[in-house]
Amino acid sequence: MDAPQPTVIARASVRNPGETPRSGVVHVNARHTRRFTVVGNHLAQHPELSLTARGLALYIQSLPTGARIGIKDLAPQFPESEHRIAGALRELETYGYLRRTRERLPNGRMVTRTVSYNRPGCLPEDREPAEPDPEPDPVPARVPAPAAAPSAPPPPLPEPRDPVDPFRWQVAAALLAELRRVDHRLLLGAEDIDRLAPAVEAWLERGARPESVIAVLTANPPPQIRNPAGLIAHRLTAQLPPPLEPVPRAPAFVPPDPFQTCQTCDLAFRAPAPGHCRSCHPDLKGTA
C-alpha cells in the first residue's frame, strides 16, 4: 500500500489573530529568513511621495553598497521612462531619502556621490541607545554634547504644470548645458541637467525667455562655486517668477474706406471702389 502523501501546508502568521475584520485588508505574513529588506512605515505610508518614488526607494535600499543608481542604470530595470525615474529621484532627494553630491577625486575626475537613507536625518551607523549600566560608574563622565538637529531638506524644485513637452525639455536641457559658456565654473553633469531641466521648464512655461533665465542663473556668482548644481537649484527655486496674467489687447485698427468721386454728381464719398454715391446709386435712390 502506498504511503500517504503529506498535504498539510505551513500556515503563515496572521496579524492580530482572532480579530478578523468584516471588511478591509487581512494580512497573512510569513517570516523572512534571508534576502529581505526592512522598510519603515514613514516611507511605505509617506503622504507626499508618489508610488513610483516609494518603490524606487525600496529598490535602492535593497541594493548592496556600491551599486550604481544613475538614471541610465535604473531605466533598464523598470518600465517607467527616464523622465519619470528622474522625477522620483528628485522626490527622494527632496524628502531626505537620498543625497547626491559632486566630488572631485585626487586625479581631478568629478564623480557623483550618492547616499541612501532608510530614515531621513539618520547618521551612518545609526543605532538605538544602549541599556544603562545597573551600577553607575563612580567616576564622573563627560556628558556628550547634544547632537545637532538634522537640517531641514531643501524646498522642492519647481515643476511644470504640463510635464509632457519634449521640445520644451530639450530647450531647458540645452540652456543648462550652455551655462558654462557664460561662466566656466557652472559646468553641470548629465545627471544634474536631467534633475534641473524640469525646473527650467517651469520658468519657460511662465513666459520667461531662455536668455532671461540664463541672465538670472549667472548673475553675480559667489567668488567660489563649490556646488554649481546646488547654486542653480537654489536660484531656480528661490527666484521662480510668477505666472503672467494675459494682457488685454485693443481691437486691431481698421482703416476707413478711401474717398471716391461720384461718377454722377462729382460728390466725394467713402467706398472701397469707384462708383456712385448713395444719392445717385440706382439701387439706393430714395433711401437716404
Protein backbone atom coordinates (compact mmCIF):
# COMPACT_ATOMS: atom_id res chain seq x y z
CA MET A 1 0.00 0.00 0.00
CA ASP A 2 1.39 3.39 -0.99
CA ALA A 3 2.49 5.70 1.80
CA PRO A 4 0.14 8.68 2.28
CA GLN A 5 1.39 11.94 0.79
CA PRO A 6 1.59 14.92 3.14
CA THR A 7 -0.96 17.58 2.24
CA VAL A 8 -0.59 19.98 5.18
CA ILE A 9 0.52 23.44 4.14
CA ALA A 10 2.53 25.52 6.59
CA ARG A 11 0.31 28.33 7.78
CA ALA A 12 1.73 31.80 7.73
CA SER A 13 1.15 34.03 10.71
CA VAL A 14 -1.89 36.27 10.61
CA ARG A 15 -1.62 39.75 12.12
CA ASN A 16 -3.95 40.27 15.10
CA PRO A 17 -5.17 36.66 15.34
CA GLY A 18 -8.75 36.37 16.47
CA GLU A 19 -9.61 39.89 15.25
CA THR A 20 -10.57 39.26 11.65
CA PRO A 21 -12.28 42.39 10.34
CA ARG A 22 -15.54 42.25 8.46
CA SER A 23 -14.07 44.31 5.63
CA GLY A 24 -10.72 45.67 4.51
CA VAL A 25 -7.35 44.02 4.17
CA VAL A 26 -6.30 40.94 6.15
CA HIS A 27 -2.53 40.42 6.48
CA VAL A 28 -1.05 36.95 6.07
CA ASN A 29 2.66 37.29 6.89
CA ALA A 30 5.49 34.77 6.54
CA ARG A 31 8.74 35.36 8.42
CA HIS A 32 11.66 36.11 6.10
CA THR A 33 14.95 34.43 6.98
CA ARG A 34 17.09 35.59 4.03
CA ARG A 35 17.13 38.18 1.23
CA PHE A 36 14.83 40.75 2.77
CA THR A 37 14.88 44.50 3.39
CA VAL A 38 13.43 46.33 6.40
CA VAL A 39 11.43 49.44 5.44
CA GLY A 40 9.84 51.91 7.83
CA ASN A 41 6.20 52.91 7.59
CA HIS A 42 7.34 56.51 7.26
CA LEU A 43 8.38 55.52 3.72
CA ALA A 44 5.70 52.95 2.90
CA GLN A 45 2.91 55.32 4.02
CA HIS A 46 4.55 58.67 3.16
CA PRO A 47 1.74 61.17 2.50
CA GLU A 48 3.69 63.18 -0.10
CA LEU A 49 5.84 60.71 -2.03
CA SER A 50 4.43 59.16 -5.19
CA LEU A 51 4.14 55.41 -5.56
CA THR A 52 6.98 55.49 -8.08
CA ALA A 53 9.27 57.26 -5.59
CA ARG A 54 8.36 54.85 -2.78
CA GLY A 55 9.01 51.81 -4.95
CA LEU A 56 12.29 53.27 -6.19
CA ALA A 57 13.40 53.97 -2.59
CA LEU A 58 12.62 50.36 -1.66
CA TYR A 59 14.63 49.10 -4.64
CA ILE A 60 17.61 51.34 -3.83
CA GLN A 61 17.61 50.28 -0.16
CA SER A 62 17.68 46.63 -1.25
CA LEU A 63 20.84 47.11 -3.34
CA PRO A 64 24.34 46.37 -1.98
CA THR A 65 26.74 49.18 -1.18
CA GLY A 66 28.50 50.37 -4.32
CA ALA A 67 25.63 49.61 -6.71
CA ARG A 68 25.15 52.22 -9.44
CA ILE A 69 21.83 54.05 -9.30
CA GLY A 70 22.17 56.64 -12.05
CA ILE A 71 19.18 57.25 -14.29
CA LYS A 72 20.80 55.29 -17.11
CA ASP A 73 21.44 52.40 -14.71
CA LEU A 74 17.91 52.35 -13.28
CA ALA A 75 15.95 52.76 -16.52
CA PRO A 76 16.58 49.19 -17.82
CA GLN A 77 15.26 47.77 -14.54
CA PHE A 78 11.80 49.38 -14.70
CA PRO A 79 9.06 50.02 -17.25
CA GLU A 80 8.94 53.71 -16.29
CA SER A 81 10.63 56.26 -18.55
CA GLU A 82 13.90 58.01 -17.69
CA HIS A 83 11.95 61.23 -17.20
CA ARG A 84 9.70 59.61 -14.60
CA ILE A 85 12.62 57.93 -12.82
CA ALA A 86 14.42 61.29 -12.68
CA GLY A 87 11.31 62.82 -11.09
CA ALA A 88 11.17 60.03 -8.48
CA LEU A 89 14.85 60.57 -7.61
CA ARG A 90 14.13 64.29 -7.13
CA GLU A 91 11.27 63.41 -4.75
CA LEU A 92 13.51 61.15 -2.66
CA GLU A 93 16.16 63.86 -2.56
CA THR A 94 13.61 66.47 -1.51
CA TYR A 95 12.30 64.44 1.41
CA GLY A 96 15.71 63.31 2.68
CA TYR A 97 15.81 59.69 1.49
CA LEU A 98 18.59 60.40 -1.00
CA ARG A 99 21.53 62.79 -1.23
CA ARG A 100 23.60 63.29 -4.36
CA THR A 101 26.75 65.42 -4.39
CA ARG A 102 29.52 66.02 -6.91
CA GLU A 103 33.04 65.34 -5.63
CA ARG A 104 36.45 65.67 -7.23
CA LEU A 105 38.81 62.70 -6.95
CA PRO A 106 42.56 63.17 -6.36
CA ASN A 107 43.14 62.58 -10.09
CA GLY A 108 40.83 65.51 -10.90
CA ARG A 109 37.88 63.45 -12.14
CA MET A 110 34.40 64.52 -10.99
CA VAL A 111 32.10 61.78 -9.67
CA THR A 112 28.58 61.73 -8.22
CA ARG A 113 28.44 60.53 -4.61
CA THR A 114 25.05 59.08 -3.70
CA VAL A 115 23.89 58.32 -0.15
CA SER A 116 20.63 56.46 0.55
CA TYR A 117 18.93 56.99 3.92
CA ASN A 118 16.46 54.38 5.18
CA ARG A 119 15.30 57.07 7.60
CA PRO A 120 15.70 60.77 6.76
CA GLY A 121 18.10 62.57 9.07
CA CYS A 122 19.85 59.45 10.37
CA LEU A 123 23.64 59.30 10.63
CA PRO A 124 25.90 56.48 9.41
CA GLU A 125 25.94 53.53 11.81
CA ASP A 126 22.81 54.92 13.49
CA ARG A 127 21.93 52.68 16.43
CA GLU A 128 19.46 52.56 19.29
CA PRO A 129 20.91 53.80 22.64
CA ALA A 130 22.50 51.10 24.81
CA GLU A 131 20.89 49.95 28.04
CA PRO A 132 22.23 51.85 31.11
CA ASP A 133 24.68 50.12 33.42
CA PRO A 134 22.84 48.91 36.59
CA GLU A 135 25.83 50.01 38.70
CA PRO A 136 26.78 53.60 37.87
CA ASP A 137 30.42 54.41 37.44
CA PRO A 138 31.62 56.50 40.41
CA VAL A 139 33.99 58.42 38.14
CA PRO A 140 32.13 61.40 36.67
CA ALA A 141 31.90 61.06 32.95
CA ARG A 142 31.82 63.81 30.41
CA VAL A 143 28.32 64.44 29.17
CA PRO A 144 28.36 64.41 25.37
CA ALA A 145 27.05 67.48 23.65
CA PRO A 146 23.59 67.03 22.17
CA ALA A 147 23.68 66.10 18.54
CA ALA A 148 22.75 68.87 16.17
CA ALA A 149 19.29 68.56 14.75
CA PRO A 150 19.32 67.47 11.11
CA SER A 151 18.91 70.34 8.72
CA ALA A 152 15.57 70.65 7.02
CA PRO A 153 15.51 69.29 3.48
CA PRO A 154 15.67 71.94 0.75
CA PRO A 155 12.38 73.03 -0.80
CA PRO A 156 11.32 71.00 -3.82
CA LEU A 157 12.37 72.18 -7.25
CA PRO A 158 9.68 73.83 -9.39
CA GLU A 159 7.94 71.56 -11.84
CA PRO A 160 5.94 72.45 -14.96
CA ARG A 161 2.18 72.05 -14.94
CA ASP A 162 2.39 70.13 -18.20
CA PRO A 163 5.42 67.80 -17.87
CA VAL A 164 4.88 66.16 -21.28
CA ASP A 165 6.58 68.55 -23.69
CA PRO A 166 9.72 67.00 -25.23
CA PHE A 167 10.65 70.14 -27.19
CA ARG A 168 10.48 72.38 -24.10
CA TRP A 169 12.55 69.84 -22.12
CA GLN A 170 15.21 69.87 -24.85
CA VAL A 171 15.33 73.67 -24.71
CA ALA A 172 15.68 73.55 -20.91
CA ALA A 173 18.44 70.93 -21.03
CA ALA A 174 20.35 72.85 -23.72
CA LEU A 175 20.02 76.04 -21.64
CA LEU A 176 21.60 74.37 -18.60
CA ALA A 177 24.40 72.93 -20.70
CA GLU A 178 25.12 76.42 -22.13
CA LEU A 179 25.68 77.99 -18.69
CA ARG A 180 29.36 77.01 -18.80
CA ARG A 181 29.79 79.26 -21.86
CA VAL A 182 28.87 82.23 -19.65
CA ASP A 183 30.82 81.05 -16.58
CA HIS A 184 33.13 78.03 -16.89
CA ARG A 185 32.51 77.23 -13.20
CA LEU A 186 28.85 76.43 -13.95
CA LEU A 187 29.71 73.13 -15.61
CA LEU A 188 26.85 70.67 -14.91
CA GLY A 189 26.91 66.91 -15.31
CA ALA A 190 24.35 64.98 -17.33
CA GLU A 191 22.52 63.74 -14.21
CA ASP A 192 22.32 67.27 -12.78
CA ILE A 193 20.90 68.54 -16.07
CA ASP A 194 18.26 65.79 -16.06
CA ARG A 195 17.35 66.73 -12.49
CA LEU A 196 17.22 70.51 -13.05
CA ALA A 197 15.65 70.62 -16.52
CA PRO A 198 12.00 70.37 -15.26
CA ALA A 199 12.61 73.42 -13.04
CA VAL A 200 13.78 75.39 -16.09
CA GLU A 201 10.68 74.13 -17.90
CA ALA A 202 8.56 75.71 -15.16
CA TRP A 203 10.25 79.07 -15.87
CA LEU A 204 9.70 78.75 -19.61
CA GLU A 205 6.08 77.75 -19.01
CA ARG A 206 5.58 81.02 -17.12
CA GLY A 207 6.75 83.07 -20.08
CA ALA A 208 10.43 83.55 -19.20
CA ARG A 209 12.67 83.74 -22.25
CA PRO A 210 15.75 81.47 -22.37
CA GLU A 211 18.13 84.44 -22.42
CA SER A 212 16.40 85.88 -19.34
CA VAL A 213 16.72 82.57 -17.48
CA ILE A 214 20.44 82.42 -18.30
CA ALA A 215 20.91 86.00 -17.08
CA VAL A 216 19.27 85.24 -13.72
CA LEU A 217 21.18 81.98 -13.18
CA THR A 218 24.58 83.52 -13.95
CA ALA A 219 24.20 86.99 -12.39
CA ASN A 220 26.59 87.96 -9.54
CA PRO A 221 28.00 84.49 -8.81
CA PRO A 222 29.81 83.94 -5.47
CA PRO A 223 33.63 84.09 -5.50
CA GLN A 224 33.89 80.32 -5.00
CA ILE A 225 31.37 77.91 -6.55
CA ARG A 226 31.85 74.54 -4.87
CA ASN A 227 28.49 73.07 -5.88
CA PRO A 228 27.29 74.55 -9.18
CA ALA A 229 24.23 72.28 -9.32
CA GLY A 230 23.21 73.37 -5.80
CA LEU A 231 23.60 77.06 -6.73
CA ILE A 232 21.47 76.64 -9.86
CA ALA A 233 18.84 74.62 -7.96
CA HIS A 234 18.62 77.34 -5.29
CA ARG A 235 18.17 80.14 -7.82
CA LEU A 236 15.62 78.18 -9.86
CA THR A 237 13.57 77.65 -6.68
CA ALA A 238 14.01 80.98 -4.87
CA GLN A 239 13.61 83.26 -7.90
CA LEU A 240 10.80 81.46 -9.73
CA PRO A 241 8.80 84.21 -11.49
CA PRO A 242 5.03 84.37 -11.01
CA PRO A 243 2.80 83.45 -13.93
CA LEU A 244 1.81 86.42 -16.06
CA GLU A 245 -1.82 87.35 -16.49
CA PRO A 246 -2.91 87.71 -20.12
CA VAL A 247 -2.65 91.34 -21.30
CA PRO A 248 -5.91 92.68 -22.75
CA ARG A 249 -5.30 93.89 -26.28
CA ALA A 250 -7.18 96.69 -28.04
CA PRO A 251 -9.02 95.65 -31.19
CA ALA A 252 -6.95 95.98 -34.32
CA PHE A 253 -7.29 99.30 -36.17
CA VAL A 254 -9.35 99.01 -39.35
CA PRO A 255 -8.71 101.97 -41.71
CA PRO A 256 -11.80 103.57 -43.29
CA ASP A 257 -12.60 103.22 -46.97
CA PRO A 258 -10.80 105.70 -49.24
CA PHE A 259 -12.56 108.72 -50.74
CA GLN A 260 -14.14 108.21 -54.15
CA THR A 261 -15.69 110.73 -56.56
CA CYS A 262 -19.28 110.05 -57.55
CA GLN A 263 -19.45 109.30 -61.27
CA THR A 264 -22.79 111.17 -61.49
CA CYS A 265 -22.63 114.27 -59.25
CA ASP A 266 -18.88 114.51 -58.54
CA LEU A 267 -19.61 114.37 -54.77
CA ALA A 268 -16.82 112.88 -52.62
CA PHE A 269 -17.82 109.82 -50.63
CA ARG A 270 -16.09 106.86 -48.97
CA ALA A 271 -16.28 103.47 -50.66
CA PRO A 272 -13.93 100.56 -51.29
CA ALA A 273 -14.14 101.09 -55.08
CA PRO A 274 -15.16 103.89 -57.51
CA GLY A 275 -18.84 104.20 -58.30
CA HIS A 276 -21.91 106.27 -57.35
CA CYS A 277 -22.66 107.99 -54.05
CA ARG A 278 -25.68 106.94 -52.02
CA SER A 279 -27.90 109.64 -53.54
CA CYS A 280 -27.02 108.75 -57.12
CA HIS A 281 -26.78 104.99 -56.87
CA PRO A 282 -29.64 103.49 -58.89
CA ASP A 283 -30.35 100.85 -56.24
CA LEU A 284 -30.19 103.27 -53.27
CA LYS A 285 -32.13 106.28 -54.60
CA GLY A 286 -34.83 107.41 -52.23
CA THR A 287 -33.39 105.53 -49.22
CA ALA A 288 -31.20 108.36 -47.91
